[in-house]
């Protein structure tokens, strides 16, 4: 289990155990309420397909991004805006 289900389920498990320790109570017979239902087996993995020709130019090593506001898109926007 991952995501939002984990913290609340963990809290439920801990609360039940704390209840037993503090009140010397018997464990609850009821099942955990916050356990998500089983959803069956995941689908089989998809087969990789060949790279579309228009993306082949991105294959290989490239320089790291220069930083926020310094990439090619930001520079194009800066050049296309009139100076104030």
Protein backbone atom coordinates (compact mmCIF):
# COMPACT_ATOMS: atom_id res chain seq x y z
CA UNK A 1 0.00 0.00 0.00
CA UNK A 2 1.22 3.47 -0.79
CA UNK A 3 -0.20 6.96 -0.76
CA UNK A 4 -2.91 8.40 1.43
CA UNK A 5 -4.08 5.02 2.74
CA UNK A 6 -0.92 4.42 4.77
CA UNK A 7 -1.01 7.17 7.47
CA UNK A 8 -4.61 6.55 8.51
CA UNK A 9 -4.22 2.77 8.52
CA UNK A 10 -0.99 3.09 10.52
CA UNK A 11 -2.82 5.31 13.02
CA UNK A 12 -5.57 2.72 13.36
CA UNK A 13 -3.07 -0.08 14.01
CA UNK A 14 -1.14 2.01 16.55
CA UNK A 15 -4.34 3.13 18.30
CA UNK A 16 -5.46 -0.47 18.74
CA UNK A 17 -2.09 -1.47 20.17
CA UNK A 18 -1.99 1.55 22.52
CA UNK A 19 -5.51 0.65 23.69
CA UNK A 20 -4.32 -2.86 24.59
CA UNK A 21 -1.21 -1.56 26.39
CA UNK A 22 -2.90 1.23 28.36
CA UNK A 23 -6.11 -0.50 29.34
CA UNK A 24 -4.82 -4.10 29.46
CA UNK A 25 -7.68 -4.82 27.10
CA UNK A 26 -8.13 -7.80 24.83
CA UNK A 27 -7.40 -7.24 21.13
CA UNK A 28 -10.44 -6.17 19.12
CA UNK A 29 -12.12 -8.93 17.17
CA UNK A 30 -13.34 -6.58 14.41
CA UNK A 31 -11.12 -6.31 11.33
CA UNK A 32 -9.27 -3.10 10.62
CA UNK A 33 -11.65 -0.58 9.08
CA UNK A 34 -9.16 1.42 7.01
CA UNK A 35 -7.57 -1.44 5.07
CA UNK A 36 -8.24 -0.77 1.38
CA UNK A 37 -9.94 -3.61 -0.51
CA UNK A 38 -7.86 -5.84 -2.78
CA UNK A 39 -8.11 -4.75 -6.36
CA UNK A 40 -6.83 -7.89 -8.04
CA UNK A 41 -3.63 -8.42 -9.95
CA UNK A 42 -2.03 -5.54 -11.82
CA UNK A 43 -2.11 -5.62 -15.61
CA UNK A 44 0.89 -7.09 -17.42
CA UNK A 45 3.63 -4.62 -18.33
CA UNK A 46 3.29 -2.89 -21.69
CA UNK A 47 5.81 -3.73 -24.38
CA UNK A 48 8.12 -0.83 -25.22
CA UNK A 49 7.53 0.66 -28.64
CA UNK A 50 10.07 2.30 -30.94
CA UNK A 51 10.79 5.98 -30.36
CA UNK A 52 8.74 8.27 -32.61
CA UNK A 53 11.01 9.95 -35.18
CA UNK A 54 10.29 13.51 -33.94
CA UNK A 55 11.75 12.60 -30.50
CA UNK A 56 14.92 10.89 -31.74
CA UNK A 57 16.81 14.21 -31.52
CA UNK A 58 16.55 13.98 -27.72
CA UNK A 59 18.43 10.67 -27.53
CA UNK A 60 21.94 10.97 -26.11
CA UNK A 61 23.79 13.15 -23.64
CA UNK A 62 22.85 16.78 -23.10
CA UNK A 63 24.04 19.60 -20.87
CA UNK A 64 22.25 20.10 -17.57
CA UNK A 65 19.48 22.69 -17.42
CA UNK A 66 21.07 26.07 -16.54
CA UNK A 67 18.50 26.91 -13.83
CA UNK A 68 15.18 28.66 -13.26
CA UNK A 69 14.55 31.37 -15.84
CA UNK A 70 17.70 30.52 -17.80
CA UNK A 71 16.46 27.71 -20.03
CA UNK A 72 15.77 27.98 -23.76
CA UNK A 73 12.02 28.63 -23.32
CA UNK A 74 12.61 31.43 -20.80
CA UNK A 75 15.22 33.03 -23.05
CA UNK A 76 12.83 32.91 -26.05
CA UNK A 77 10.07 34.55 -23.99
CA UNK A 78 12.48 37.22 -22.78
CA UNK A 79 13.55 38.03 -26.32
CA UNK A 80 9.98 38.16 -27.67
CA UNK A 81 8.69 40.57 -24.98
CA UNK A 82 9.14 44.29 -25.67
CA UNK A 83 11.53 46.10 -23.32
CA UNK A 84 9.86 48.15 -20.61
